[in-house]
Amino acid sequence: MARKKAAVDFEKSLAELQQLVERLEGGELSLEDSLACFEQGIRLTRDCQAALSQAEQKVQILLERGGTLEQAPFDADSQA
């Protein structure tokens, strides 16, 4: 269940980030609104980067085992 939630969160964050970029590129926002959107975009970018990093670490673990699936503990908090 956690894997699906992480994927949904990543997709949601990425979609929100794309919307923010479109709003910023539109040029219709005030300076204050632009800065608020930029700050939110930075947070979303960091969330997406963290999700991608965790996915990359999981792939690396699988590759190091020669592609065989073995059950092993993975603590995302200690890996980030």
N, C-alpha and C. Protein backbone atom coordinates (compact mmCIF):
# COMPACT_ATOMS: atom_id res chain seq x y z
N MET A 1 0.82 -1.19 0.00
CA MET A 1 0.00 0.00 0.00
C MET A 1 0.87 1.25 0.00
N ALA A 2 2.01 1.22 0.70
CA ALA A 2 2.88 2.38 0.76
C ALA A 2 3.47 2.72 -0.61
N ARG A 3 3.76 1.70 -1.41
CA ARG A 3 4.32 1.94 -2.75
C ARG A 3 3.33 2.71 -3.61
N LYS A 4 2.06 2.30 -3.57
CA LYS A 4 1.04 2.96 -4.38
C LYS A 4 0.86 4.40 -3.91
N LYS A 5 0.85 4.61 -2.59
CA LYS A 5 0.69 5.95 -2.05
C LYS A 5 1.87 6.84 -2.47
N ALA A 6 3.08 6.31 -2.43
CA ALA A 6 4.26 7.08 -2.83
C ALA A 6 4.18 7.46 -4.30
N ALA A 7 3.73 6.52 -5.13
CA ALA A 7 3.60 6.81 -6.56
C ALA A 7 2.54 7.86 -6.80
N VAL A 8 1.43 7.76 -6.09
CA VAL A 8 0.35 8.74 -6.24
C VAL A 8 0.85 10.11 -5.77
N ASP A 9 1.55 10.15 -4.65
CA ASP A 9 2.07 11.42 -4.14
C ASP A 9 3.05 12.03 -5.14
N PHE A 10 3.90 11.21 -5.74
CA PHE A 10 4.85 11.73 -6.73
C PHE A 10 4.10 12.30 -7.92
N GLU A 11 3.15 11.54 -8.44
CA GLU A 11 2.39 12.00 -9.61
C GLU A 11 1.61 13.28 -9.28
N LYS A 12 1.04 13.34 -8.10
CA LYS A 12 0.28 14.52 -7.69
C LYS A 12 1.22 15.73 -7.56
N SER A 13 2.36 15.52 -6.93
CA SER A 13 3.33 16.62 -6.77
C SER A 13 3.83 17.11 -8.13
N LEU A 14 4.10 16.18 -9.02
CA LEU A 14 4.58 16.54 -10.35
C LEU A 14 3.52 17.33 -11.12
N ALA A 15 2.27 16.91 -11.01
CA ALA A 15 1.18 17.62 -11.69
C ALA A 15 1.02 19.03 -11.12
N GLU A 16 1.11 19.16 -9.80
CA GLU A 16 1.01 20.48 -9.17
C GLU A 16 2.18 21.36 -9.61
N LEU A 17 3.34 20.78 -9.71
CA LEU A 17 4.51 21.53 -10.14
C LEU A 17 4.34 22.03 -11.57
N GLN A 18 3.81 21.20 -12.43
CA GLN A 18 3.57 21.60 -13.82
C GLN A 18 2.55 22.75 -13.89
N GLN A 19 1.53 22.69 -13.05
CA GLN A 19 0.54 23.77 -13.02
C GLN A 19 1.17 25.08 -12.55
N LEU A 20 2.04 24.98 -11.54
CA LEU A 20 2.72 26.18 -11.04
C LEU A 20 3.59 26.81 -12.13
N VAL A 21 4.30 25.98 -12.86
CA VAL A 21 5.16 26.47 -13.93
C VAL A 21 4.32 27.19 -14.99
N GLU A 22 3.19 26.60 -15.34
CA GLU A 22 2.32 27.24 -16.32
C GLU A 22 1.81 28.59 -15.83
N ARG A 23 1.45 28.66 -14.56
CA ARG A 23 0.98 29.94 -13.99
C ARG A 23 2.09 30.97 -14.01
N LEU A 24 3.29 30.55 -13.64
CA LEU A 24 4.41 31.49 -13.63
C LEU A 24 4.77 31.95 -15.04
N GLU A 25 4.75 31.03 -15.98
CA GLU A 25 5.08 31.39 -17.36
C GLU A 25 4.01 32.27 -17.99
N GLY A 26 2.79 32.20 -17.47
CA GLY A 26 1.71 33.02 -18.00
C GLY A 26 1.93 34.51 -17.80
N GLY A 27 2.70 34.87 -16.80
CA GLY A 27 3.04 36.26 -16.57
C GLY A 27 1.92 37.12 -16.01
N GLU A 28 0.86 36.50 -15.54
CA GLU A 28 -0.29 37.25 -15.03
C GLU A 28 -0.25 37.43 -13.51
N LEU A 29 0.70 36.82 -12.85
CA LEU A 29 0.76 36.87 -11.39
C LEU A 29 1.49 38.11 -10.90
N SER A 30 1.07 38.59 -9.73
CA SER A 30 1.80 39.69 -9.10
C SER A 30 3.14 39.15 -8.59
N LEU A 31 4.01 40.04 -8.21
CA LEU A 31 5.31 39.63 -7.69
C LEU A 31 5.13 38.77 -6.45
N GLU A 32 4.24 39.17 -5.57
CA GLU A 32 4.00 38.42 -4.33
C GLU A 32 3.47 37.02 -4.63
N ASP A 33 2.52 36.93 -5.55
CA ASP A 33 1.97 35.62 -5.94
C ASP A 33 3.02 34.77 -6.64
N SER A 34 3.84 35.41 -7.45
CA SER A 34 4.92 34.69 -8.14
C SER A 34 5.90 34.09 -7.15
N LEU A 35 6.25 34.85 -6.13
CA LEU A 35 7.17 34.34 -5.10
C LEU A 35 6.55 33.20 -4.32
N ALA A 36 5.25 33.30 -4.01
CA ALA A 36 4.57 32.23 -3.29
C ALA A 36 4.55 30.96 -4.14
N CYS A 37 4.27 31.10 -5.43
CA CYS A 37 4.27 29.95 -6.34
C CYS A 37 5.67 29.36 -6.44
N PHE A 38 6.68 30.21 -6.51
CA PHE A 38 8.06 29.74 -6.59
C PHE A 38 8.42 28.94 -5.35
N GLU A 39 8.06 29.44 -4.17
CA GLU A 39 8.35 28.73 -2.92
C GLU A 39 7.66 27.38 -2.90
N GLN A 40 6.40 27.34 -3.32
CA GLN A 40 5.68 26.07 -3.35
C GLN A 40 6.33 25.13 -4.36
N GLY A 41 6.77 25.67 -5.48
CA GLY A 41 7.45 24.86 -6.49
C GLY A 41 8.73 24.24 -5.97
N ILE A 42 9.47 25.01 -5.19
CA ILE A 42 10.70 24.48 -4.59
C ILE A 42 10.38 23.31 -3.66
N ARG A 43 9.34 23.45 -2.84
CA ARG A 43 8.95 22.35 -1.94
C ARG A 43 8.55 21.12 -2.74
N LEU A 44 7.75 21.32 -3.77
CA LEU A 44 7.31 20.20 -4.60
C LEU A 44 8.49 19.53 -5.30
N THR A 45 9.43 20.34 -5.78
CA THR A 45 10.62 19.80 -6.45
C THR A 45 11.41 18.93 -5.48
N ARG A 46 11.57 19.38 -4.26
CA ARG A 46 12.31 18.60 -3.26
C ARG A 46 11.59 17.29 -2.95
N ASP A 47 10.25 17.35 -2.85
CA ASP A 47 9.49 16.13 -2.61
C ASP A 47 9.67 15.14 -3.76
N CYS A 48 9.60 15.63 -4.98
CA CYS A 48 9.78 14.76 -6.15
C CYS A 48 11.19 14.18 -6.20
N GLN A 49 12.18 15.01 -5.91
CA GLN A 49 13.55 14.52 -5.91
C GLN A 49 13.76 13.44 -4.86
N ALA A 50 13.15 13.60 -3.69
CA ALA A 50 13.27 12.60 -2.63
C ALA A 50 12.62 11.29 -3.07
N ALA A 51 11.45 11.36 -3.70
CA ALA A 51 10.77 10.16 -4.17
C ALA A 51 11.60 9.45 -5.24
N LEU A 52 12.17 10.21 -6.15
CA LEU A 52 13.01 9.62 -7.19
C LEU A 52 14.27 9.00 -6.62
N SER A 53 14.84 9.64 -5.62
CA SER A 53 16.05 9.11 -4.98
C SER A 53 15.75 7.77 -4.30
N GLN A 54 14.60 7.69 -3.63
CA GLN A 54 14.23 6.44 -2.97
C GLN A 54 14.01 5.33 -4.00
N ALA A 55 13.36 5.67 -5.10
CA ALA A 55 13.14 4.68 -6.16
C ALA A 55 14.47 4.21 -6.74
N GLU A 56 15.40 5.14 -6.94
CA GLU A 56 16.72 4.79 -7.46
C GLU A 56 17.46 3.87 -6.50
N GLN A 57 17.34 4.13 -5.21
CA GLN A 57 18.00 3.28 -4.22
C GLN A 57 17.42 1.87 -4.24
N LYS A 58 16.11 1.76 -4.40
CA LYS A 58 15.49 0.44 -4.47
C LYS A 58 15.96 -0.32 -5.70
N VAL A 59 16.06 0.37 -6.83
CA VAL A 59 16.55 -0.26 -8.06
C VAL A 59 18.00 -0.71 -7.87
N GLN A 60 18.80 0.13 -7.26
CA GLN A 60 20.21 -0.21 -7.02
C GLN A 60 20.33 -1.45 -6.15
N ILE A 61 19.48 -1.55 -5.13
CA ILE A 61 19.50 -2.73 -4.26
C ILE A 61 19.20 -3.98 -5.07
N LEU A 62 18.22 -3.90 -5.96
CA LEU A 62 17.87 -5.06 -6.79
C LEU A 62 19.01 -5.42 -7.74
N LEU A 63 19.64 -4.42 -8.33
CA LEU A 63 20.73 -4.68 -9.26
C LEU A 63 21.94 -5.30 -8.56
N GLU A 64 22.20 -4.89 -7.33
CA GLU A 64 23.32 -5.43 -6.59
C GLU A 64 23.11 -6.90 -6.23
N ARG A 65 21.87 -7.33 -6.20
CA ARG A 65 21.56 -8.73 -5.89
C ARG A 65 21.45 -9.56 -7.16
N GLY A 66 21.88 -9.01 -8.26
CA GLY A 66 21.83 -9.75 -9.52
C GLY A 66 20.43 -9.89 -10.07
N GLY A 67 19.55 -9.02 -9.65
CA GLY A 67 18.19 -9.05 -10.16
C GLY A 67 17.28 -10.04 -9.47
N THR A 68 17.81 -10.78 -8.50
CA THR A 68 16.94 -11.72 -7.79
C THR A 68 16.16 -10.97 -6.71
N LEU A 69 14.94 -11.36 -6.58
CA LEU A 69 14.09 -10.71 -5.59
C LEU A 69 14.24 -11.41 -4.26
N GLU A 70 14.70 -10.66 -3.29
CA GLU A 70 14.84 -11.16 -1.94
C GLU A 70 14.17 -10.15 -1.02
N GLN A 71 13.52 -10.66 -0.02
CA GLN A 71 12.91 -9.75 0.92
C GLN A 71 13.99 -9.19 1.84
N ALA A 72 14.02 -7.86 1.94
CA ALA A 72 15.01 -7.19 2.77
C ALA A 72 14.39 -5.92 3.32
N PRO A 73 14.77 -5.56 4.51
CA PRO A 73 14.23 -4.32 5.08
C PRO A 73 14.72 -3.10 4.32
N PHE A 74 13.84 -2.14 4.14
CA PHE A 74 14.22 -0.89 3.51
C PHE A 74 13.58 0.23 4.32
N ASP A 75 14.41 1.03 4.93
CA ASP A 75 13.94 2.14 5.74
C ASP A 75 14.18 3.41 4.97
N ALA A 76 13.12 3.97 4.39
CA ALA A 76 13.23 5.17 3.55
C ALA A 76 13.77 6.34 4.35
N ASP A 77 13.43 6.43 5.62
CA ASP A 77 13.89 7.56 6.43
C ASP A 77 15.39 7.54 6.64
N SER A 78 15.97 6.37 6.81
CA SER A 78 17.41 6.31 7.02
C SER A 78 18.18 6.44 5.72
N GLN A 79 17.52 6.17 4.57
CA GLN A 79 18.18 6.25 3.27
C GLN A 79 18.23 7.66 2.73
N ALA A 80 17.30 8.50 3.13
CA ALA A 80 17.21 9.87 2.56
C ALA A 80 18.22 10.79 3.15
